[in-house]
Amino acid sequence: MNESEFNALAEATLLSIEQQVEDADTELDFEMSAGILTLTAENGSKIIINRQVATCEIWVAARSGGYHLGWQDEQWFCRTTGESLQTLLERVVVEQGGERISFC
């Protein structure tokens, strides 16, 4: 994947996450700034999602650790846990904010 393809895919992914959070009936808040999406739980806990162009990865920073996700089989997968981006986000949102949200 070239840089242009990666940027388009990463941007679409971040916008999709933002829309799903906005549509969900939760207290989870979000802010997009300079290509970095910050999810904030009601307790103030933050999950940071951003793109790393040099490695063509999406990175997620959560209380449980930092996760690097690569594009494979039409999905983002964590290189260390094997989780899809959706599964990873669902898990860390519950761990940090106690809320359930379905990312698809």
Protein backbone atom coordinates (compact mmCIF):
# COMPACT_ATOMS: atom_id res chain seq x y z
CA MET A 1 0.00 0.00 0.00
CA ASN A 2 1.38 3.41 -0.87
CA GLU A 3 1.23 6.50 1.34
CA SER A 4 -1.79 7.98 -0.42
CA GLU A 5 -3.78 4.74 -0.11
CA PHE A 6 -2.80 4.42 3.54
CA ASN A 7 -3.83 7.99 4.35
CA ALA A 8 -7.22 7.55 2.69
CA LEU A 9 -7.83 4.26 4.50
CA ALA A 10 -6.66 5.57 7.88
CA GLU A 11 -8.76 8.73 7.55
CA ALA A 12 -11.86 6.69 6.68
CA THR A 13 -11.19 4.43 9.67
CA LEU A 14 -10.84 7.32 12.12
CA LEU A 15 -13.99 8.98 10.78
CA SER A 16 -15.89 5.70 11.08
CA ILE A 17 -14.82 5.32 14.72
CA GLU A 18 -15.82 8.92 15.41
CA GLN A 19 -19.25 8.37 13.83
CA GLN A 20 -19.85 5.14 15.77
CA VAL A 21 -18.99 6.86 19.06
CA GLU A 22 -21.28 9.76 18.18
CA ASP A 23 -24.15 7.39 17.32
CA ALA A 24 -23.70 5.21 20.43
CA ASP A 25 -25.80 5.74 23.54
CA THR A 26 -22.82 6.13 25.88
CA GLU A 27 -21.02 8.80 27.88
CA LEU A 28 -17.91 8.28 25.73
CA ASP A 29 -16.73 11.55 24.20
CA PHE A 30 -14.39 12.13 21.27
CA GLU A 31 -12.20 14.83 19.79
CA MET A 32 -10.35 14.81 16.47
CA SER A 33 -7.37 17.14 16.21
CA ALA A 34 -4.52 17.05 13.68
CA GLY A 35 -5.39 13.48 12.66
CA ILE A 36 -5.43 12.21 16.25
CA LEU A 37 -8.69 10.84 17.63
CA THR A 38 -9.04 10.99 21.41
CA LEU A 39 -11.80 9.02 23.12
CA THR A 40 -12.55 10.16 26.66
CA ALA A 41 -14.56 8.11 29.13
CA GLU A 42 -16.80 9.72 31.75
CA ASN A 43 -14.10 9.04 34.37
CA GLY A 44 -11.58 11.09 32.34
CA SER A 45 -9.63 8.10 31.05
CA LYS A 46 -8.37 8.59 27.48
CA ILE A 47 -7.75 6.31 24.50
CA ILE A 48 -5.65 7.86 21.73
CA ILE A 49 -5.92 6.62 18.12
CA ASN A 50 -3.65 7.95 15.41
CA ARG A 51 -1.95 7.00 12.18
CA GLN A 52 1.74 6.36 11.62
CA VAL A 53 2.43 7.06 7.96
CA ALA A 54 6.05 5.82 8.00
CA THR A 55 4.96 2.31 9.02
CA CYS A 56 1.44 2.36 7.49
CA GLU A 57 -0.03 1.53 10.89
CA ILE A 58 -2.78 2.77 13.14
CA TRP A 59 -1.63 3.12 16.73
CA VAL A 60 -3.86 2.89 19.78
CA ALA A 61 -2.65 4.11 23.16
CA ALA A 62 -4.68 2.82 26.09
CA ARG A 63 -4.11 2.30 29.79
CA SER A 64 -3.36 -1.38 29.07
CA GLY A 65 -0.62 -0.51 26.57
CA GLY A 66 0.29 0.69 23.12
CA TYR A 67 -0.98 -1.24 20.11
CA HIS A 68 0.23 -1.14 16.50
CA LEU A 69 -2.24 -2.27 13.86
CA GLY A 70 -1.50 -3.17 10.27
CA TRP A 71 -3.88 -3.65 7.35
CA GLN A 72 -4.45 -7.31 6.52
CA ASP A 73 -7.34 -9.19 4.89
CA GLU A 74 -9.37 -5.97 4.56
CA GLN A 75 -9.12 -5.16 8.30
CA TRP A 76 -6.79 -3.56 10.81
CA PHE A 77 -5.16 -6.17 13.07
CA CYS A 78 -2.96 -5.68 16.11
CA ARG A 79 0.51 -7.03 15.44
CA THR A 80 0.98 -8.27 19.02
CA THR A 81 -2.45 -9.47 20.20
CA GLY A 82 -3.97 -10.47 16.85
CA GLU A 83 -7.15 -8.57 17.71
CA SER A 84 -9.00 -6.62 15.06
CA LEU A 85 -9.25 -2.88 15.63
CA GLN A 86 -12.94 -3.28 16.45
CA THR A 87 -12.31 -5.95 19.09
CA LEU A 88 -9.40 -4.02 20.58
CA LEU A 89 -11.43 -0.81 20.88
CA GLU A 90 -14.40 -2.61 22.40
CA ARG A 91 -12.08 -4.18 25.00
CA VAL A 92 -10.17 -1.03 25.98
CA VAL A 93 -13.35 1.08 26.18
CA VAL A 94 -14.82 -1.43 28.67
CA GLU A 95 -11.54 -1.64 30.61
CA GLN A 96 -11.12 2.10 30.90
CA GLY A 97 -14.64 3.46 31.00
CA GLY A 98 -16.87 0.52 31.85
CA GLU A 99 -19.05 1.20 28.81
CA ARG A 100 -19.96 -1.21 26.07
CA ILE A 101 -19.90 0.01 22.50
CA SER A 102 -19.93 -2.04 19.34
CA PHE A 103 -17.46 -1.02 16.66
CA CYS A 104 -18.14 -2.56 13.25
